[in-house]
PDB file of N, CA and C in Angstrom:
ATOM      1  N   MET A   1       0.814  -1.186   0.000  1.00  0.00           N
ATOM      2  CA  MET A   1       0.000   0.000   0.000  1.00  0.00           C
ATOM      3  C   MET A   1       0.863   1.257   0.000  1.00  0.00           C
ATOM      4  N   HIS A   2       2.023   1.198   0.623  1.00  0.00           N
ATOM      5  CA  HIS A   2       2.936   2.339   0.619  1.00  0.00           C
ATOM      6  C   HIS A   2       4.348   1.803   0.659  1.00  0.00           C
ATOM      7  N   ARG A   3       5.289   2.667   0.436  1.00  0.00           N
ATOM      8  CA  ARG A   3       6.693   2.250   0.527  1.00  0.00           C
ATOM      9  C   ARG A   3       7.064   2.046   1.998  1.00  0.00           C
ATOM     10  N   THR A   4       8.323   1.712   2.204  1.00  0.00           N
ATOM     11  CA  THR A   4       8.772   1.491   3.579  1.00  0.00           C
ATOM     12  C   THR A   4       9.020   2.790   4.323  1.00  0.00           C
ATOM     13  N   GLY A   5       8.921   3.924   3.637  1.00  0.00           N
ATOM     14  CA  GLY A   5       9.103   5.205   4.296  1.00  0.00           C
ATOM     15  C   GLY A   5       9.141   6.339   3.294  1.00  0.00           C
ATOM     16  N   HIS A   6       9.355   7.549   3.801  1.00  0.00           N
ATOM     17  CA  HIS A   6       9.440   8.730   2.952  1.00  0.00           C
ATOM     18  C   HIS A   6      10.159   9.821   3.717  1.00  0.00           C
ATOM     19  N   TRP A   7      10.535  10.868   3.001  1.00  0.00           N
ATOM     20  CA  TRP A   7      11.206  11.994   3.637  1.00  0.00           C
ATOM     21  C   TRP A   7      10.209  12.846   4.387  1.00  0.00           C
ATOM     22  N   LEU A   8      10.715  13.554   5.398  1.00  0.00           N
ATOM     23  CA  LEU A   8       9.902  14.495   6.163  1.00  0.00           C
ATOM     24  C   LEU A   8      10.503  15.888   6.024  1.00  0.00           C
ATOM     25  N   GLY A   9       9.628  16.889   5.984  1.00  0.00           N
ATOM     26  CA  GLY A   9      10.085  18.272   5.920  1.00  0.00           C
ATOM     27  C   GLY A   9       9.519  19.070   7.057  1.00  0.00           C
ATOM     28  N   LEU A  10       9.896  20.338   7.127  1.00  0.00           N
ATOM     29  CA  LEU A  10       9.423  21.200   8.212  1.00  0.00           C
ATOM     30  C   LEU A  10       7.920  21.410   8.158  1.00  0.00           C
ATOM     31  N   ASP A  11       7.404  21.674   6.965  1.00  0.00           N
ATOM     32  CA  ASP A  11       5.989  22.006   6.840  1.00  0.00           C
ATOM     33  C   ASP A  11       5.213  21.046   5.953  1.00  0.00           C
ATOM     34  N   VAL A  12       5.894  20.085   5.388  1.00  0.00           N
ATOM     35  CA  VAL A  12       5.224  19.208   4.423  1.00  0.00           C
ATOM     36  C   VAL A  12       5.600  17.758   4.629  1.00  0.00           C
ATOM     37  N   HIS A  13       4.826  16.906   4.018  1.00  0.00           N
ATOM     38  CA  HIS A  13       5.008  15.461   4.048  1.00  0.00           C
ATOM     39  C   HIS A  13       5.696  15.055   2.755  1.00  0.00           C
ATOM     40  N   ALA A  14       6.705  14.223   2.824  1.00  0.00           N
ATOM     41  CA  ALA A  14       7.402  13.704   1.644  1.00  0.00           C
ATOM     42  C   ALA A  14       8.008  14.831   0.802  1.00  0.00           C
ATOM     43  N   VAL A  15       8.767  15.697   1.441  1.00  0.00           N
ATOM     44  CA  VAL A  15       9.398  16.824   0.756  1.00  0.00           C
ATOM     45  C   VAL A  15      10.628  16.354  -0.026  1.00  0.00           C
ATOM     46  N   GLY A  16      10.904  16.983  -1.145  1.00  0.00           N
ATOM     47  CA  GLY A  16      12.126  16.721  -1.897  1.00  0.00           C
ATOM     48  C   GLY A  16      11.963  15.734  -3.024  1.00  0.00           C
ATOM     49  N   GLU A  17      13.026  15.646  -3.808  1.00  0.00           N
ATOM     50  CA  GLU A  17      13.061  14.732  -4.953  1.00  0.00           C
ATOM     51  C   GLU A  17      13.784  13.448  -4.548  1.00  0.00           C
ATOM     52  N   TYR A  18      13.181  12.316  -4.865  1.00  0.00           N
ATOM     53  CA  TYR A  18      13.813  11.037  -4.549  1.00  0.00           C
ATOM     54  C   TYR A  18      14.883  10.672  -5.570  1.00  0.00           C
ATOM     55  N   LYS A  19      14.736  11.192  -6.783  1.00  0.00           N
ATOM     56  CA  LYS A  19      15.714  10.924  -7.836  1.00  0.00           C
ATOM     57  C   LYS A  19      16.215  12.240  -8.423  1.00  0.00           C
ATOM     58  N   ILE A  20      17.490  12.261  -8.784  1.00  0.00           N
ATOM     59  CA  ILE A  20      18.085  13.394  -9.478  1.00  0.00           C
ATOM     60  C   ILE A  20      18.679  12.849 -10.771  1.00  0.00           C
ATOM     61  N   ASP A  21      18.249  13.405 -11.904  1.00  0.00           N
ATOM     62  CA  ASP A  21      18.683  12.926 -13.215  1.00  0.00           C
ATOM     63  C   ASP A  21      18.490  11.418 -13.365  1.00  0.00           C
ATOM     64  N   GLY A  22      17.393  10.918 -12.830  1.00  0.00           N
ATOM     65  CA  GLY A  22      17.056   9.503 -12.965  1.00  0.00           C
ATOM     66  C   GLY A  22      17.753   8.578 -11.994  1.00  0.00           C
ATOM     67  N   GLU A  23      18.607   9.107 -11.139  1.00  0.00           N
ATOM     68  CA  GLU A  23      19.348   8.286 -10.175  1.00  0.00           C
ATOM     69  C   GLU A  23      18.809   8.525  -8.777  1.00  0.00           C
ATOM     70  N   TRP A  24      18.708   7.452  -7.988  1.00  0.00           N
ATOM     71  CA  TRP A  24      18.238   7.598  -6.613  1.00  0.00           C
ATOM     72  C   TRP A  24      19.178   8.510  -5.846  1.00  0.00           C
ATOM     73  N   ARG A  25      18.626   9.419  -5.114  1.00  0.00           N
ATOM     74  CA  ARG A  25      19.401  10.380  -4.352  1.00  0.00           C
ATOM     75  C   ARG A  25      19.952   9.729  -3.090  1.00  0.00           C
ATOM     76  N   GLU A  26      21.186  10.056  -2.752  1.00  0.00           N
ATOM     77  CA  GLU A  26      21.787   9.530  -1.532  1.00  0.00           C
ATOM     78  C   GLU A  26      21.352  10.381  -0.349  1.00  0.00           C
ATOM     79  N   LEU A  27      21.260   9.736   0.798  1.00  0.00           N
ATOM     80  CA  LEU A  27      20.906  10.463   2.011  1.00  0.00           C
ATOM     81  C   LEU A  27      22.053  11.374   2.412  1.00  0.00           C
ATOM     82  N   GLU A  28      21.699  12.550   2.941  1.00  0.00           N
ATOM     83  CA  GLU A  28      22.683  13.539   3.352  1.00  0.00           C
ATOM     84  C   GLU A  28      22.401  13.965   4.789  1.00  0.00           C
ATOM     85  N   PRO A  29      23.454  14.377   5.512  1.00  0.00           N
ATOM     86  CA  PRO A  29      23.229  14.872   6.876  1.00  0.00           C
ATOM     87  C   PRO A  29      22.181  15.984   6.880  1.00  0.00           C
ATOM     88  N   GLY A  30      21.293  15.910   7.861  1.00  0.00           N
ATOM     89  CA  GLY A  30      20.235  16.897   7.983  1.00  0.00           C
ATOM     90  C   GLY A  30      18.903  16.427   7.423  1.00  0.00           C
ATOM     91  N   MET A  31      18.934  15.417   6.572  1.00  0.00           N
ATOM     92  CA  MET A  31      17.675  14.875   6.056  1.00  0.00           C
ATOM     93  C   MET A  31      16.978  14.082   7.153  1.00  0.00           C
ATOM     94  N   VAL A  32      15.656  14.078   7.120  1.00  0.00           N
ATOM     95  CA  VAL A  32      14.876  13.279   8.065  1.00  0.00           C
ATOM     96  C   VAL A  32      13.933  12.412   7.254  1.00  0.00           C
ATOM     97  N   ILE A  33      13.904  11.136   7.593  1.00  0.00           N
ATOM     98  CA  ILE A  33      13.029  10.201   6.896  1.00  0.00           C
ATOM     99  C   ILE A  33      12.169   9.466   7.916  1.00  0.00           C
ATOM    100  N   THR A  34      11.056   8.978   7.453  1.00  0.00           N
ATOM    101  CA  THR A  34      10.240   8.117   8.281  1.00  0.00           C
ATOM    102  C   THR A  34      10.419   6.696   7.774  1.00  0.00           C
ATOM    103  N   VAL A  35      10.536   5.776   8.685  1.00  0.00           N
ATOM    104  CA  VAL A  35      10.624   4.356   8.361  1.00  0.00           C
ATOM    105  C   VAL A  35       9.330   3.749   8.876  1.00  0.00           C
ATOM    106  N   GLU A  36       8.505   3.233   7.970  1.00  0.00           N
ATOM    107  CA  GLU A  36       7.167   2.821   8.380  1.00  0.00           C
ATOM    108  C   GLU A  36       6.708   1.535   7.694  1.00  0.00           C
ATOM    109  N   PRO A  37       7.328   0.425   8.081  1.00  0.00           N
ATOM    110  CA  PRO A  37       6.842  -0.837   7.523  1.00  0.00           C
ATOM    111  C   PRO A  37       5.408  -1.087   7.977  1.00  0.00           C
ATOM    112  N   GLY A  38       4.626  -1.673   7.125  1.00  0.00           N
ATOM    113  CA  GLY A  38       3.242  -1.932   7.495  1.00  0.00           C
ATOM    114  C   GLY A  38       2.647  -3.075   6.703  1.00  0.00           C
ATOM    115  N   ILE A  39       1.538  -3.537   7.182  1.00  0.00           N
ATOM    116  CA  ILE A  39       0.777  -4.555   6.458  1.00  0.00           C
ATOM    117  C   ILE A  39      -0.686  -4.134   6.485  1.00  0.00           C
ATOM    118  N   TYR A  40      -1.302  -4.190   5.327  1.00  0.00           N
ATOM    119  CA  TYR A  40      -2.707  -3.833   5.195  1.00  0.00           C
ATOM    120  C   TYR A  40      -3.399  -4.964   4.453  1.00  0.00           C
ATOM    121  N   ILE A  41      -4.502  -5.425   4.986  1.00  0.00           N
ATOM    122  CA  ILE A  41      -5.239  -6.516   4.355  1.00  0.00           C
ATOM    123  C   ILE A  41      -6.589  -5.972   3.914  1.00  0.00           C
ATOM    124  N   ALA A  42      -6.825  -6.034   2.624  1.00  0.00           N
ATOM    125  CA  ALA A  42      -8.061  -5.491   2.052  1.00  0.00           C
ATOM    126  C   ALA A  42      -9.277  -6.237   2.597  1.00  0.00           C
ATOM    127  N   PRO A  43     -10.375  -5.527   2.798  1.00  0.00           N
ATOM    128  CA  PRO A  43     -11.591  -6.163   3.313  1.00  0.00           C
ATOM    129  C   PRO A  43     -12.088  -7.306   2.431  1.00  0.00           C
ATOM    130  N   GLY A  44     -11.853  -7.223   1.132  1.00  0.00           N
ATOM    131  CA  GLY A  44     -12.334  -8.259   0.227  1.00  0.00           C
ATOM    132  C   GLY A  44     -11.335  -9.361  -0.072  1.00  0.00           C
ATOM    133  N   ASN A  45     -10.203  -9.384   0.619  1.00  0.00           N
ATOM    134  CA  ASN A  45      -9.168 -10.385   0.374  1.00  0.00           C
ATOM    135  C   ASN A  45      -9.623 -11.735   0.915  1.00  0.00           C
ATOM    136  N   LYS A  46      -9.972 -12.641   0.012  1.00  0.00           N
ATOM    137  CA  LYS A  46     -10.474 -13.959   0.416  1.00  0.00           C
ATOM    138  C   LYS A  46      -9.360 -14.982   0.609  1.00  0.00           C
ATOM    139  N   GLU A  47      -8.108 -14.541   0.440  1.00  0.00           N
ATOM    140  CA  GLU A  47      -6.972 -15.443   0.627  1.00  0.00           C
ATOM    141  C   GLU A  47      -6.518 -15.517   2.078  1.00  0.00           C
ATOM    142  N   VAL A  48      -7.108 -14.697   2.942  1.00  0.00           N
ATOM    143  CA  VAL A  48      -6.753 -14.723   4.359  1.00  0.00           C
ATOM    144  C   VAL A  48      -8.020 -14.977   5.180  1.00  0.00           C
ATOM    145  N   ALA A  49      -7.822 -15.408   6.404  1.00  0.00           N
ATOM    146  CA  ALA A  49      -8.971 -15.664   7.283  1.00  0.00           C
ATOM    147  C   ALA A  49      -9.796 -14.395   7.453  1.00  0.00           C
ATOM    148  N   LYS A  50     -11.097 -14.541   7.571  1.00  0.00           N
ATOM    149  CA  LYS A  50     -12.016 -13.409   7.660  1.00  0.00           C
ATOM    150  C   LYS A  50     -11.657 -12.447   8.802  1.00  0.00           C
ATOM    151  N   LYS A  51     -11.159 -12.996   9.932  1.00  0.00           N
ATOM    152  CA  LYS A  51     -10.850 -12.147  11.087  1.00  0.00           C
ATOM    153  C   LYS A  51      -9.738 -11.137  10.801  1.00  0.00           C
ATOM    154  N   TRP A  52      -8.912 -11.385   9.760  1.00  0.00           N
ATOM    155  CA  TRP A  52      -7.811 -10.477   9.443  1.00  0.00           C
ATOM    156  C   TRP A  52      -8.168  -9.456   8.361  1.00  0.00           C
ATOM    157  N   ARG A  53      -9.288  -9.633   7.702  1.00  0.00           N
ATOM    158  CA  ARG A  53      -9.654  -8.749   6.588  1.00  0.00           C
ATOM    159  C   ARG A  53      -9.984  -7.339   7.080  1.00  0.00           C
ATOM    160  N   GLY A  54      -9.494  -6.364   6.358  1.00  0.00           N
ATOM    161  CA  GLY A  54      -9.796  -4.972   6.676  1.00  0.00           C
ATOM    162  C   GLY A  54      -8.936  -4.357   7.764  1.00  0.00           C
ATOM    163  N   ILE A  55      -7.861  -5.027   8.151  1.00  0.00           N
ATOM    164  CA  ILE A  55      -7.006  -4.451   9.191  1.00  0.00           C
ATOM    165  C   ILE A  55      -5.752  -3.843   8.565  1.00  0.00           C
ATOM    166  N   GLY A  56      -5.128  -2.979   9.306  1.00  0.00           N
ATOM    167  CA  GLY A  56      -3.861  -2.398   8.910  1.00  0.00           C
ATOM    168  C   GLY A  56      -3.027  -2.124  10.139  1.00  0.00           C
ATOM    169  N   ILE A  57      -1.754  -2.416  10.038  1.00  0.00           N
ATOM    170  CA  ILE A  57      -0.833  -2.180  11.145  1.00  0.00           C
ATOM    171  C   ILE A  57       0.410  -1.526  10.567  1.00  0.00           C
ATOM    172  N   ARG A  58       0.845  -0.452  11.199  1.00  0.00           N
ATOM    173  CA  ARG A  58       2.063   0.217  10.748  1.00  0.00           C
ATOM    174  C   ARG A  58       2.781   0.752  11.976  1.00  0.00           C
ATOM    175  N   ILE A  59       4.084   0.591  11.998  1.00  0.00           N
ATOM    176  CA  ILE A  59       4.902   1.103  13.088  1.00  0.00           C
ATOM    177  C   ILE A  59       5.877   2.107  12.478  1.00  0.00           C
ATOM    178  N   ASP A  60       5.774   3.350  12.904  1.00  0.00           N
ATOM    179  CA  ASP A  60       6.595   4.425  12.334  1.00  0.00           C
ATOM    180  C   ASP A  60       7.765   4.774  13.234  1.00  0.00           C
ATOM    181  N   ASP A  61       8.858   5.147  12.609  1.00  0.00           N
ATOM    182  CA  ASP A  61       9.975   5.785  13.294  1.00  0.00           C
ATOM    183  C   ASP A  61      10.456   6.921  12.413  1.00  0.00           C
ATOM    184  N   ASP A  62      10.855   8.015  13.022  1.00  0.00           N
ATOM    185  CA  ASP A  62      11.430   9.140  12.307  1.00  0.00           C
ATOM    186  C   ASP A  62      12.922   9.139  12.585  1.00  0.00           C
ATOM    187  N   VAL A  63      13.718   9.217  11.513  1.00  0.00           N
ATOM    188  CA  VAL A  63      15.162   9.065  11.626  1.00  0.00           C
ATOM    189  C   VAL A  63      15.856  10.248  10.971  1.00  0.00           C
ATOM    190  N   ALA A  64      16.765  10.888  11.723  1.00  0.00           N
ATOM    191  CA  ALA A  64      17.569  11.984  11.187  1.00  0.00           C
ATOM    192  C   ALA A  64      18.905  11.425  10.719  1.00  0.00           C
ATOM    193  N   VAL A  65      19.333  11.837   9.541  1.00  0.00           N
ATOM    194  CA  VAL A  65      20.631  11.440   9.008  1.00  0.00           C
ATOM    195  C   VAL A  65      21.665  12.412   9.571  1.00  0.00           C
ATOM    196  N   THR A  66      22.722  11.882  10.187  1.00  0.00           N
ATOM    197  CA  THR A  66      23.785  12.713  10.743  1.00  0.00           C
ATOM    198  C   THR A  66      25.059  12.533   9.924  1.00  0.00           C
ATOM    199  N   LYS A  67      26.091  13.292  10.241  1.00  0.00           N
ATOM    200  CA  LYS A  67      27.349  13.198   9.483  1.00  0.00           C
ATOM    201  C   LYS A  67      27.969  11.810   9.555  1.00  0.00           C
ATOM    202  N   LYS A  68      27.855  11.165  10.721  1.00  0.00           N
ATOM    203  CA  LYS A  68      28.505   9.866  10.898  1.00  0.00           C
ATOM    204  C   LYS A  68      27.560   8.683  10.929  1.00  0.00           C
ATOM    205  N   SER A  69      26.274   8.932  11.171  1.00  0.00           N
ATOM    206  CA  SER A  69      25.360   7.806  11.352  1.00  0.00           C
ATOM    207  C   SER A  69      23.914   8.274  11.195  1.00  0.00           C
ATOM    208  N   HIS A  70      23.123   8.060  12.233  1.00  0.00           N
ATOM    209  CA  HIS A  70      21.720   8.457  12.238  1.00  0.00           C
ATOM    210  C   HIS A  70      21.249   8.616  13.681  1.00  0.00           C
ATOM    211  N   GLN A  71      20.114   9.269  13.846  1.00  0.00           N
ATOM    212  CA  GLN A  71      19.506   9.421  15.164  1.00  0.00           C
ATOM    213  C   GLN A  71      18.030   9.101  15.024  1.00  0.00           C
ATOM    214  N   VAL A  72      17.552   8.130  15.785  1.00  0.00           N
ATOM    215  CA  VAL A  72      16.139   7.763  15.761  1.00  0.00           C
ATOM    216  C   VAL A  72      15.401   8.742  16.668  1.00  0.00           C
ATOM    217  N   LEU A  73      14.669   9.672  16.061  1.00  0.00           N
ATOM    218  CA  LEU A  73      13.995  10.723  16.807  1.00  0.00           C
ATOM    219  C   LEU A  73      12.815  10.202  17.620  1.00  0.00           C
ATOM    220  N   SER A  74      12.243   9.112  17.192  1.00  0.00           N
ATOM    221  CA  SER A  74      11.051   8.564  17.848  1.00  0.00           C
ATOM    222  C   SER A  74      11.368   7.342  18.706  1.00  0.00           C
ATOM    223  N   LYS A  75      12.613   7.221  19.140  1.00  0.00           N
ATOM    224  CA  LYS A  75      13.033   6.018  19.875  1.00  0.00           C
ATOM    225  C   LYS A  75      12.281   5.790  21.178  1.00  0.00           C
ATOM    226  N   ASP A  76      11.771   6.853  21.771  1.00  0.00           N
ATOM    227  CA  ASP A  76      11.081   6.707  23.052  1.00  0.00           C
ATOM    228  C   ASP A  76       9.575   6.540  22.922  1.00  0.00           C
ATOM    229  N   VAL A  77       9.070   6.485  21.706  1.00  0.00           N
ATOM    230  CA  VAL A  77       7.629   6.298  21.500  1.00  0.00           C
ATOM    231  C   VAL A  77       7.278   4.844  21.797  1.00  0.00           C
ATOM    232  N   PRO A  78       6.263   4.598  22.625  1.00  0.00           N
ATOM    233  CA  PRO A  78       5.877   3.222  22.952  1.00  0.00           C
ATOM    234  C   PRO A  78       5.430   2.453  21.700  1.00  0.00           C
ATOM    235  N   LYS A  79       5.874   1.190  21.594  1.00  0.00           N
ATOM    236  CA  LYS A  79       5.519   0.374  20.441  1.00  0.00           C
ATOM    237  C   LYS A  79       5.056  -1.030  20.794  1.00  0.00           C
ATOM    238  N   THR A  80       5.355  -1.474  22.005  1.00  0.00           N
ATOM    239  CA  THR A  80       4.956  -2.835  22.367  1.00  0.00           C
ATOM    240  C   THR A  80       3.479  -2.848  22.765  1.00  0.00           C
ATOM    241  N   ILE A  81       2.873  -4.003  22.631  1.00  0.00           N
ATOM    242  CA  ILE A  81       1.467  -4.156  23.019  1.00  0.00           C
ATOM    243  C   ILE A  81       1.296  -3.752  24.479  1.00  0.00           C
ATOM    244  N   HIS A  82       2.187  -4.230  25.332  1.00  0.00           N
ATOM    245  CA  HIS A  82       2.108  -3.936  26.765  1.00  0.00           C
ATOM    246  C   HIS A  82       2.147  -2.428  27.027  1.00  0.00           C
ATOM    247  N   ASP A  83       3.098  -1.736  26.426  1.00  0.00           N
ATOM    248  CA  ASP A  83       3.234  -0.291  26.655  1.00  0.00           C
ATOM    249  C   ASP A  83       2.029   0.487  26.133  1.00  0.00           C
ATOM    250  N   ILE A  84       1.541   0.125  24.974  1.00  0.00           N
ATOM    251  CA  ILE A  84       0.388   0.825  24.389  1.00  0.00           C
ATOM    252  C   ILE A  84      -0.867   0.583  25.219  1.00  0.00           C
ATOM    253  N   GLU A  85      -1.078  -0.664  25.637  1.00  0.00           N
ATOM    254  CA  GLU A  85      -2.246  -0.962  26.475  1.00  0.00           C
ATOM    255  C   GLU A  85      -2.161  -0.237  27.817  1.00  0.00           C
ATOM    256  N   ALA A  86      -0.965  -0.087  28.369  1.00  0.00           N
ATOM    257  CA  ALA A  86      -0.803   0.648  29.636  1.00  0.00           C
ATOM    258  C   ALA A  86      -1.173   2.115  29.456  1.00  0.00           C
ATOM    259  N   ILE A  87      -0.784   2.705  28.365  1.00  0.00           N
ATOM    260  CA  ILE A  87      -1.144   4.093  28.089  1.00  0.00           C
ATOM    261  C   ILE A  87      -2.645   4.236  27.922  1.00  0.00           C
ATOM    262  N   MET A  88      -3.263   3.298  27.194  1.00  0.00           N
ATOM    263  CA  MET A  88      -4.700   3.342  26.984  1.00  0.00           C
ATOM    264  C   MET A  88      -5.458   3.179  28.310  1.00  0.00           C
ATOM    265  N   ALA A  89      -4.969   2.289  29.180  1.00  0.00           N
ATOM    266  CA  ALA A  89      -5.622   2.071  30.474  1.00  0.00           C
ATOM    267  C   ALA A  89      -5.502   3.320  31.344  1.00  0.00           C
ATOM    268  N   GLN A  90      -4.349   3.950  31.303  1.00  0.00           N
ATOM    269  CA  GLN A  90      -4.123   5.163  32.096  1.00  0.00           C
ATOM    270  C   GLN A  90      -5.029   6.295  31.596  1.00  0.00           C
ATOM    271  N   ALA A  91      -5.207   6.402  30.295  1.00  0.00           N
ATOM    272  CA  ALA A  91      -6.047   7.465  29.730  1.00  0.00           C
ATOM    273  C   ALA A  91      -7.515   7.282  30.076  1.00  0.00           C
ATOM    274  N   SER A  92      -7.940   6.040  30.229  1.00  0.00           N
ATOM    275  CA  SER A  92      -9.365   5.794  30.502  1.00  0.00           C
ATOM    276  C   SER A  92      -9.708   5.873  31.985  1.00  0.00           C
ATOM    277  N   SER A  93      -8.672   5.972  32.835  1.00  0.00           N
ATOM    278  CA  SER A  93      -8.955   6.035  34.287  1.00  0.00           C
ATOM    279  C   SER A  93      -9.070   7.465  34.787  1.00  0.00           C
TER     280      SER A  93
END
């Protein structure tokens, strides 16, 4: 349904050109990308069990490219079932 991620900008989603002169652009320090693997199962997909039809799951991370490596900006965002359910329980109390 979507790629594994895209670039992020200050005011826009997916800012910038992915290719320059037909060649994939290399990442540069200061760029920020989102890494968002996901799975989406269409409601009409009869190749999977009915209980899975119409669901979608995606886990996002935002990553800044640095001079020597990278920095995961969203590293502290809860992602486990346990952590998310704890937040939901706390919000409902």
